[in-house]
PDB file of N, CA and C in Angstrom:
ATOM      1  N   MET A   1      47.414  -7.696  61.260  1.00  0.00           N
ATOM      2  CA  MET A   1      47.268  -8.006  59.972  1.00  0.00           C
ATOM      3  C   MET A   1      46.080  -7.180  59.399  1.00  0.00           C
ATOM      4  N   HIS A   2      45.023  -7.109  60.217  1.00  0.00           N
ATOM      5  CA  HIS A   2      43.762  -6.475  59.814  1.00  0.00           C
ATOM      6  C   HIS A   2      44.007  -4.922  59.258  1.00  0.00           C
ATOM      7  N   LEU A   3      44.904  -4.401  60.175  1.00  0.00           N
ATOM      8  CA  LEU A   3      45.297  -2.965  59.859  1.00  0.00           C
ATOM      9  C   LEU A   3      46.013  -2.930  58.582  1.00  0.00           C
ATOM     10  N   VAL A   4      46.934  -3.831  58.300  1.00  0.00           N
ATOM     11  CA  VAL A   4      47.678  -3.918  57.050  1.00  0.00           C
ATOM     12  C   VAL A   4      46.778  -4.185  55.911  1.00  0.00           C
ATOM     13  N   ARG A   5      45.828  -4.986  56.066  1.00  0.00           N
ATOM     14  CA  ARG A   5      44.961  -5.248  54.929  1.00  0.00           C
ATOM     15  C   ARG A   5      44.089  -3.892  54.665  1.00  0.00           C
ATOM     16  N   THR A   6      43.654  -3.315  55.569  1.00  0.00           N
ATOM     17  CA  THR A   6      43.005  -1.928  55.566  1.00  0.00           C
ATOM     18  C   THR A   6      43.866  -0.921  54.694  1.00  0.00           C
ATOM     19  N   ILE A   7      45.102  -0.784  55.052  1.00  0.00           N
ATOM     20  CA  ILE A   7      46.098   0.123  54.400  1.00  0.00           C
ATOM     21  C   ILE A   7      46.094  -0.343  52.928  1.00  0.00           C
ATOM     22  N   ILE A   8      46.332  -1.493  52.667  1.00  0.00           N
ATOM     23  CA  ILE A   8      46.433  -2.001  51.210  1.00  0.00           C
ATOM     24  C   ILE A   8      45.168  -1.834  50.459  1.00  0.00           C
ATOM     25  N   GLY A   9      43.982  -2.013  51.163  1.00  0.00           N
ATOM     26  CA  GLY A   9      42.695  -1.776  50.402  1.00  0.00           C
ATOM     27  C   GLY A   9      42.575  -0.277  50.130  1.00  0.00           C
ATOM     28  N   MET A  10      42.947   0.607  51.120  1.00  0.00           N
ATOM     29  CA  MET A  10      42.859   1.952  50.818  1.00  0.00           C
ATOM     30  C   MET A  10      43.793   2.343  49.715  1.00  0.00           C
ATOM     31  N   GLY A  11      44.947   1.946  49.713  1.00  0.00           N
ATOM     32  CA  GLY A  11      46.083   2.243  48.580  1.00  0.00           C
ATOM     33  C   GLY A  11      45.481   1.887  47.189  1.00  0.00           C
ATOM     34  N   ARG A  12      44.820   0.603  47.121  1.00  0.00           N
ATOM     35  CA  ARG A  12      44.337   0.132  46.004  1.00  0.00           C
ATOM     36  C   ARG A  12      43.116   1.049  45.382  1.00  0.00           C
ATOM     37  N   THR A  13      42.363   1.330  46.435  1.00  0.00           N
ATOM     38  CA  THR A  13      41.182   2.297  46.000  1.00  0.00           C
ATOM     39  C   THR A  13      41.737   3.557  45.536  1.00  0.00           C
ATOM     40  N   LEU A  14      42.726   4.139  46.057  1.00  0.00           N
ATOM     41  CA  LEU A  14      43.258   5.427  45.671  1.00  0.00           C
ATOM     42  C   LEU A  14      43.885   5.167  44.198  1.00  0.00           C
ATOM     43  N   ARG A  15      44.576   4.070  43.858  1.00  0.00           N
ATOM     44  CA  ARG A  15      45.094   3.960  42.777  1.00  0.00           C
ATOM     45  C   ARG A  15      44.003   3.797  41.583  1.00  0.00           C
ATOM     46  N   SER A  16      42.998   3.038  41.985  1.00  0.00           N
ATOM     47  CA  SER A  16      41.798   3.072  41.053  1.00  0.00           C
ATOM     48  C   SER A  16      41.100   4.303  40.857  1.00  0.00           C
ATOM     49  N   ARG A  17      40.937   5.174  41.936  1.00  0.00           N
ATOM     50  CA  ARG A  17      40.302   6.444  41.653  1.00  0.00           C
ATOM     51  C   ARG A  17      40.977   7.379  40.668  1.00  0.00           C
ATOM     52  N   PHE A  18      42.380   7.327  40.707  1.00  0.00           N
ATOM     53  CA  PHE A  18      43.206   8.080  39.921  1.00  0.00           C
ATOM     54  C   PHE A  18      43.814   7.439  38.652  1.00  0.00           C
ATOM     55  N   SER A  19      43.337   6.131  38.354  1.00  0.00           N
ATOM     56  CA  SER A  19      43.566   5.417  37.243  1.00  0.00           C
ATOM     57  C   SER A  19      45.162   5.234  37.103  1.00  0.00           C
ATOM     58  N   ILE A  20      45.652   4.651  38.301  1.00  0.00           N
ATOM     59  CA  ILE A  20      47.053   4.438  38.221  1.00  0.00           C
ATOM     60  C   ILE A  20      47.224   2.812  38.517  1.00  0.00           C
ATOM     61  N   LYS A  21      47.551   2.213  37.517  1.00  0.00           N
ATOM     62  CA  LYS A  21      47.700   0.646  37.656  1.00  0.00           C
ATOM     63  C   LYS A  21      48.756   0.199  38.507  1.00  0.00           C
ATOM     64  N   THR A  22      48.512  -0.830  39.127  1.00  0.00           N
ATOM     65  CA  THR A  22      49.447  -1.476  40.121  1.00  0.00           C
ATOM     66  C   THR A  22      50.771  -1.731  39.582  1.00  0.00           C
ATOM     67  N   ARG A  23      50.878  -1.940  38.238  1.00  0.00           N
ATOM     68  CA  ARG A  23      52.143  -2.308  37.667  1.00  0.00           C
ATOM     69  C   ARG A  23      53.119  -1.042  37.700  1.00  0.00           C
ATOM     70  N   GLN A  24      52.533   0.090  37.704  1.00  0.00           N
ATOM     71  CA  GLN A  24      53.256   1.331  37.762  1.00  0.00           C
ATOM     72  C   GLN A  24      53.775   1.642  39.099  1.00  0.00           C
ATOM     73  N   PRO A  25      55.170   1.636  39.398  1.00  0.00           N
ATOM     74  CA  PRO A  25      55.560   1.876  40.703  1.00  0.00           C
ATOM     75  C   PRO A  25      55.461   3.362  41.052  1.00  0.00           C
ATOM     76  N   LEU A  26      55.292   3.353  42.480  1.00  0.00           N
ATOM     77  CA  LEU A  26      55.106   4.846  42.962  1.00  0.00           C
ATOM     78  C   LEU A  26      56.308   5.124  43.794  1.00  0.00           C
ATOM     79  N   CYS A  27      56.830   6.377  43.921  1.00  0.00           N
ATOM     80  CA  CYS A  27      57.869   6.750  44.830  1.00  0.00           C
ATOM     81  C   CYS A  27      57.625   6.441  46.225  1.00  0.00           C
ATOM     82  N   GLU A  28      56.475   7.026  46.665  1.00  0.00           N
ATOM     83  CA  GLU A  28      56.342   6.979  48.124  1.00  0.00           C
ATOM     84  C   GLU A  28      54.875   6.887  48.472  1.00  0.00           C
ATOM     85  N   LEU A  29      54.657   6.220  49.679  1.00  0.00           N
ATOM     86  CA  LEU A  29      53.300   6.097  50.285  1.00  0.00           C
ATOM     87  C   LEU A  29      53.346   6.662  51.661  1.00  0.00           C
ATOM     88  N   THR A  30      52.600   7.629  52.021  1.00  0.00           N
ATOM     89  CA  THR A  30      52.598   8.153  53.309  1.00  0.00           C
ATOM     90  C   THR A  30      51.407   7.612  54.200  1.00  0.00           C
ATOM     91  N   ILE A  31      51.803   7.054  55.287  1.00  0.00           N
ATOM     92  CA  ILE A  31      50.728   6.472  56.187  1.00  0.00           C
ATOM     93  C   ILE A  31      50.713   7.268  57.353  1.00  0.00           C
ATOM     94  N   VAL A  32      49.356   7.944  57.684  1.00  0.00           N
ATOM     95  CA  VAL A  32      49.415   8.804  58.822  1.00  0.00           C
ATOM     96  C   VAL A  32      48.734   8.078  59.948  1.00  0.00           C
ATOM     97  N   ILE A  33      49.507   7.794  61.046  1.00  0.00           N
ATOM     98  CA  ILE A  33      49.025   7.053  62.121  1.00  0.00           C
ATOM     99  C   ILE A  33      49.746   7.668  63.365  1.00  0.00           C
ATOM    100  N   SER A  34      48.803   8.097  64.368  1.00  0.00           N
ATOM    101  CA  SER A  34      49.434   8.657  65.621  1.00  0.00           C
ATOM    102  C   SER A  34      49.744   7.701  66.741  1.00  0.00           C
ATOM    103  N   ASN A  35      49.080   6.522  66.629  1.00  0.00           N
ATOM    104  CA  ASN A  35      49.345   5.394  67.692  1.00  0.00           C
ATOM    105  C   ASN A  35      50.665   4.738  67.557  1.00  0.00           C
ATOM    106  N   ASP A  36      51.585   4.916  68.542  1.00  0.00           N
ATOM    107  CA  ASP A  36      52.897   4.343  68.455  1.00  0.00           C
ATOM    108  C   ASP A  36      52.874   2.676  68.255  1.00  0.00           C
ATOM    109  N   LYS A  37      51.910   2.320  69.090  1.00  0.00           N
ATOM    110  CA  LYS A  37      51.926   0.748  69.047  1.00  0.00           C
ATOM    111  C   LYS A  37      51.411   0.257  67.803  1.00  0.00           C
ATOM    112  N   LYS A  38      50.535   0.852  67.127  1.00  0.00           N
ATOM    113  CA  LYS A  38      49.950   0.379  65.713  1.00  0.00           C
ATOM    114  C   LYS A  38      51.071   0.709  64.678  1.00  0.00           C
ATOM    115  N   ARG A  39      51.857   1.871  64.796  1.00  0.00           N
ATOM    116  CA  ARG A  39      52.807   2.153  63.967  1.00  0.00           C
ATOM    117  C   ARG A  39      54.003   1.151  63.921  1.00  0.00           C
ATOM    118  N   SER A  40      54.372   0.634  64.962  1.00  0.00           N
ATOM    119  CA  SER A  40      55.410  -0.355  65.150  1.00  0.00           C
ATOM    120  C   SER A  40      54.923  -1.630  64.595  1.00  0.00           C
ATOM    121  N   LEU A  41      53.798  -2.061  64.753  1.00  0.00           N
ATOM    122  CA  LEU A  41      53.175  -3.280  64.312  1.00  0.00           C
ATOM    123  C   LEU A  41      53.087  -3.189  62.745  1.00  0.00           C
ATOM    124  N   ILE A  42      52.810  -1.888  62.092  1.00  0.00           N
ATOM    125  CA  ILE A  42      52.728  -1.752  60.688  1.00  0.00           C
ATOM    126  C   ILE A  42      54.207  -1.770  60.272  1.00  0.00           C
ATOM    127  N   GLN A  43      55.142  -1.271  60.900  1.00  0.00           N
ATOM    128  CA  GLN A  43      56.481  -1.121  60.350  1.00  0.00           C
ATOM    129  C   GLN A  43      57.035  -2.592  60.100  1.00  0.00           C
ATOM    130  N   THR A  44      56.598  -3.535  60.976  1.00  0.00           N
ATOM    131  CA  THR A  44      57.152  -4.907  60.804  1.00  0.00           C
ATOM    132  C   THR A  44      56.632  -5.552  59.577  1.00  0.00           C
ATOM    133  N   LEU A  45      55.511  -4.973  59.061  1.00  0.00           N
ATOM    134  CA  LEU A  45      55.071  -5.543  57.755  1.00  0.00           C
ATOM    135  C   LEU A  45      55.063  -4.640  56.513  1.00  0.00           C
ATOM    136  N   GLU A  46      56.079  -3.637  56.746  1.00  0.00           N
ATOM    137  CA  GLU A  46      56.306  -2.692  55.743  1.00  0.00           C
ATOM    138  C   GLU A  46      56.648  -3.231  54.365  1.00  0.00           C
ATOM    139  N   GLN A  47      57.471  -4.316  54.401  1.00  0.00           N
ATOM    140  CA  GLN A  47      57.869  -4.827  53.133  1.00  0.00           C
ATOM    141  C   GLN A  47      56.567  -5.383  52.399  1.00  0.00           C
ATOM    142  N   LEU A  48      55.732  -6.041  53.090  1.00  0.00           N
ATOM    143  CA  LEU A  48      54.474  -6.611  52.425  1.00  0.00           C
ATOM    144  C   LEU A  48      53.539  -5.477  51.768  1.00  0.00           C
ATOM    145  N   ILE A  49      53.532  -4.294  52.494  1.00  0.00           N
ATOM    146  CA  ILE A  49      52.768  -3.182  51.992  1.00  0.00           C
ATOM    147  C   ILE A  49      53.428  -2.710  50.758  1.00  0.00           C
ATOM    148  N   ARG A  50      54.793  -2.514  50.809  1.00  0.00           N
ATOM    149  CA  ARG A  50      55.538  -1.941  49.554  1.00  0.00           C
ATOM    150  C   ARG A  50      55.316  -3.023  48.361  1.00  0.00           C
ATOM    151  N   GLU A  51      55.350  -4.315  48.552  1.00  0.00           N
ATOM    152  CA  GLU A  51      55.163  -5.228  47.456  1.00  0.00           C
ATOM    153  C   GLU A  51      53.729  -5.273  46.925  1.00  0.00           C
ATOM    154  N   GLU A  52      52.749  -5.231  47.859  1.00  0.00           N
ATOM    155  CA  GLU A  52      51.449  -5.297  47.410  1.00  0.00           C
ATOM    156  C   GLU A  52      50.864  -3.830  46.611  1.00  0.00           C
ATOM    157  N   LEU A  53      51.301  -2.818  47.083  1.00  0.00           N
ATOM    158  CA  LEU A  53      51.018  -1.557  46.473  1.00  0.00           C
ATOM    159  C   LEU A  53      52.128  -1.098  45.436  1.00  0.00           C
ATOM    160  N   ASN A  54      53.137  -1.849  45.293  1.00  0.00           N
ATOM    161  CA  ASN A  54      54.227  -1.471  44.428  1.00  0.00           C
ATOM    162  C   ASN A  54      54.632  -0.153  44.606  1.00  0.00           C
ATOM    163  N   VAL A  55      55.226   0.307  45.844  1.00  0.00           N
ATOM    164  CA  VAL A  55      55.796   1.435  46.279  1.00  0.00           C
ATOM    165  C   VAL A  55      57.189   1.202  46.604  1.00  0.00           C
ATOM    166  N   LYS A  56      58.061   2.235  46.350  1.00  0.00           N
ATOM    167  CA  LYS A  56      59.381   2.144  46.682  1.00  0.00           C
ATOM    168  C   LYS A  56      59.743   2.529  48.135  1.00  0.00           C
ATOM    169  N   ASN A  57      58.960   3.400  48.699  1.00  0.00           N
ATOM    170  CA  ASN A  57      59.185   3.916  50.242  1.00  0.00           C
ATOM    171  C   ASN A  57      57.921   4.037  50.777  1.00  0.00           C
ATOM    172  N   VAL A  58      57.959   3.684  52.068  1.00  0.00           N
ATOM    173  CA  VAL A  58      56.696   3.818  52.982  1.00  0.00           C
ATOM    174  C   VAL A  58      57.118   4.905  54.112  1.00  0.00           C
ATOM    175  N   ARG A  59      56.506   5.955  54.151  1.00  0.00           N
ATOM    176  CA  ARG A  59      56.807   7.006  55.201  1.00  0.00           C
ATOM    177  C   ARG A  59      55.712   6.999  56.078  1.00  0.00           C
ATOM    178  N   PHE A  60      55.981   7.116  57.415  1.00  0.00           N
ATOM    179  CA  PHE A  60      55.161   7.173  58.518  1.00  0.00           C
ATOM    180  C   PHE A  60      55.191   8.640  59.006  1.00  0.00           C
ATOM    181  N   ASP A  61      53.815   9.178  59.341  1.00  0.00           N
ATOM    182  CA  ASP A  61      53.741  10.451  59.733  1.00  0.00           C
ATOM    183  C   ASP A  61      52.609  10.585  60.877  1.00  0.00           C
ATOM    184  N   CYS A  62      52.722  11.263  61.920  1.00  0.00           N
ATOM    185  CA  CYS A  62      51.785  11.244  63.011  1.00  0.00           C
ATOM    186  C   CYS A  62      50.938  12.610  62.922  1.00  0.00           C
ATOM    187  N   ASN A  63      51.271  13.400  61.959  1.00  0.00           N
ATOM    188  CA  ASN A  63      50.632  14.711  61.799  1.00  0.00           C
ATOM    189  C   ASN A  63      49.810  14.660  60.601  1.00  0.00           C
ATOM    190  N   GLU A  64      48.525  14.678  60.629  1.00  0.00           N
ATOM    191  CA  GLU A  64      47.671  14.510  59.382  1.00  0.00           C
ATOM    192  C   GLU A  64      47.666  16.077  58.640  1.00  0.00           C
ATOM    193  N   ASP A  65      48.096  16.920  59.400  1.00  0.00           N
ATOM    194  CA  ASP A  65      47.966  18.349  58.572  1.00  0.00           C
ATOM    195  C   ASP A  65      48.984  18.376  57.568  1.00  0.00           C
ATOM    196  N   SER A  66      49.993  17.520  57.491  1.00  0.00           N
ATOM    197  CA  SER A  66      50.992  17.555  56.473  1.00  0.00           C
ATOM    198  C   SER A  66      50.448  16.931  54.992  1.00  0.00           C
ATOM    199  N   VAL A  67      49.200  16.178  55.092  1.00  0.00           N
ATOM    200  CA  VAL A  67      48.847  15.664  53.814  1.00  0.00           C
ATOM    201  C   VAL A  67      47.298  15.916  53.742  1.00  0.00           C
ATOM    202  N   VAL A  68      46.684  16.656  54.595  1.00  0.00           N
ATOM    203  CA  VAL A  68      45.206  17.039  54.483  1.00  0.00           C
ATOM    204  C   VAL A  68      45.024  18.388  54.714  1.00  0.00           C
ATOM    205  N   THR A  69      44.246  19.042  53.955  1.00  0.00           N
ATOM    206  CA  THR A  69      43.801  20.365  53.960  1.00  0.00           C
ATOM    207  C   THR A  69      42.298  20.533  54.033  1.00  0.00           C
ATOM    208  N   LEU A  70      41.730  21.105  55.022  1.00  0.00           N
ATOM    209  CA  LEU A  70      40.202  21.227  55.122  1.00  0.00           C
ATOM    210  C   LEU A  70      39.835  22.577  54.825  1.00  0.00           C
ATOM    211  N   SER A  71      38.686  22.834  54.190  1.00  0.00           N
ATOM    212  CA  SER A  71      38.170  24.104  53.892  1.00  0.00           C
ATOM    213  C   SER A  71      36.617  23.849  53.710  1.00  0.00           C
ATOM    214  N   ALA A  72      35.972  24.898  53.926  1.00  0.00           N
ATOM    215  CA  ALA A  72      34.547  25.009  53.787  1.00  0.00           C
ATOM    216  C   ALA A  72      33.926  26.239  53.137  1.00  0.00           C
ATOM    217  N   LYS A  73      32.934  26.124  52.300  1.00  0.00           N
ATOM    218  CA  LYS A  73      32.341  27.081  51.557  1.00  0.00           C
ATOM    219  C   LYS A  73      30.816  27.001  51.783  1.00  0.00           C
ATOM    220  N   ALA A  74      30.273  28.172  52.282  1.00  0.00           N
ATOM    221  CA  ALA A  74      28.798  28.121  52.632  1.00  0.00           C
ATOM    222  C   ALA A  74      28.062  28.097  51.230  1.00  0.00           C
ATOM    223  N   ASN A  75      26.957  27.317  51.197  1.00  0.00           N
ATOM    224  CA  ASN A  75      26.061  27.337  50.077  1.00  0.00           C
ATOM    225  C   ASN A  75      24.961  28.312  50.554  1.00  0.00           C
ATOM    226  N   PHE A  76      24.911  29.336  50.076  1.00  0.00           N
ATOM    227  CA  PHE A  76      24.017  30.563  50.566  1.00  0.00           C
ATOM    228  C   PHE A  76      22.592  30.203  50.140  1.00  0.00           C
ATOM    229  N   LYS A  77      22.425  29.566  48.990  1.00  0.00           N
ATOM    230  CA  LYS A  77      21.166  29.129  48.399  1.00  0.00           C
ATOM    231  C   LYS A  77      20.429  28.332  49.459  1.00  0.00           C
ATOM    232  N   LYS A  78      21.079  27.413  49.993  1.00  0.00           N
ATOM    233  CA  LYS A  78      20.562  26.399  51.003  1.00  0.00           C
ATOM    234  C   LYS A  78      20.455  27.077  52.269  1.00  0.00           C
ATOM    235  N   LEU A  79      21.320  27.894  52.639  1.00  0.00           N
ATOM    236  CA  LEU A  79      21.240  28.481  54.151  1.00  0.00           C
ATOM    237  C   LEU A  79      19.993  29.632  53.995  1.00  0.00           C
ATOM    238  N   GLY A  80      19.589  30.079  53.025  1.00  0.00           N
ATOM    239  CA  GLY A  80      18.539  30.995  52.918  1.00  0.00           C
ATOM    240  C   GLY A  80      18.938  32.428  53.361  1.00  0.00           C
ATOM    241  N   LYS A  81      17.929  33.319  53.572  1.00  0.00           N
ATOM    242  CA  LYS A  81      18.354  34.659  53.787  1.00  0.00           C
ATOM    243  C   LYS A  81      18.606  34.895  55.145  1.00  0.00           C
ATOM    244  N   LEU A  82      19.463  35.797  55.384  1.00  0.00           N
ATOM    245  CA  LEU A  82      20.022  36.200  56.730  1.00  0.00           C
ATOM    246  C   LEU A  82      19.105  37.070  57.364  1.00  0.00           C
ATOM    247  N   SER A  83      18.444  36.658  58.437  1.00  0.00           N
ATOM    248  CA  SER A  83      17.505  37.487  59.167  1.00  0.00           C
ATOM    249  C   SER A  83      18.198  38.521  60.037  1.00  0.00           C
ATOM    250  N   ALA A  84      17.629  39.592  60.332  1.00  0.00           N
ATOM    251  CA  ALA A  84      18.281  40.726  61.157  1.00  0.00           C
ATOM    252  C   ALA A  84      18.232  40.175  62.591  1.00  0.00           C
ATOM    253  N   LEU A  85      19.432  40.415  63.248  1.00  0.00           N
ATOM    254  CA  LEU A  85      19.569  39.988  64.817  1.00  0.00           C
ATOM    255  C   LEU A  85      18.849  41.044  65.502  1.00  0.00           C
ATOM    256  N   GLN A  86      18.209  40.694  66.463  1.00  0.00           N
ATOM    257  CA  GLN A  86      17.502  41.697  67.488  1.00  0.00           C
ATOM    258  C   GLN A  86      17.893  41.518  68.816  1.00  0.00           C
TER     259      GLN A  86
END
């Protein structure tokens, strides 16, 4: 149940961050979780998650690359001048 509460809390935080009211239904929620045991526990309470977050469909994915893209850009002012390699 603690894991389901965490998921619901994160969902509410995302709705708040993007100014989407809970009354507005969403098409889909993607939960990324690689642990099969935890995934099966969450799936038993999927209906509760759908009701609390007002989403029509909950999708489970074990590959976080499908929803997250990481990139980095150097801040050269903070890094300083590049010294010559000897």
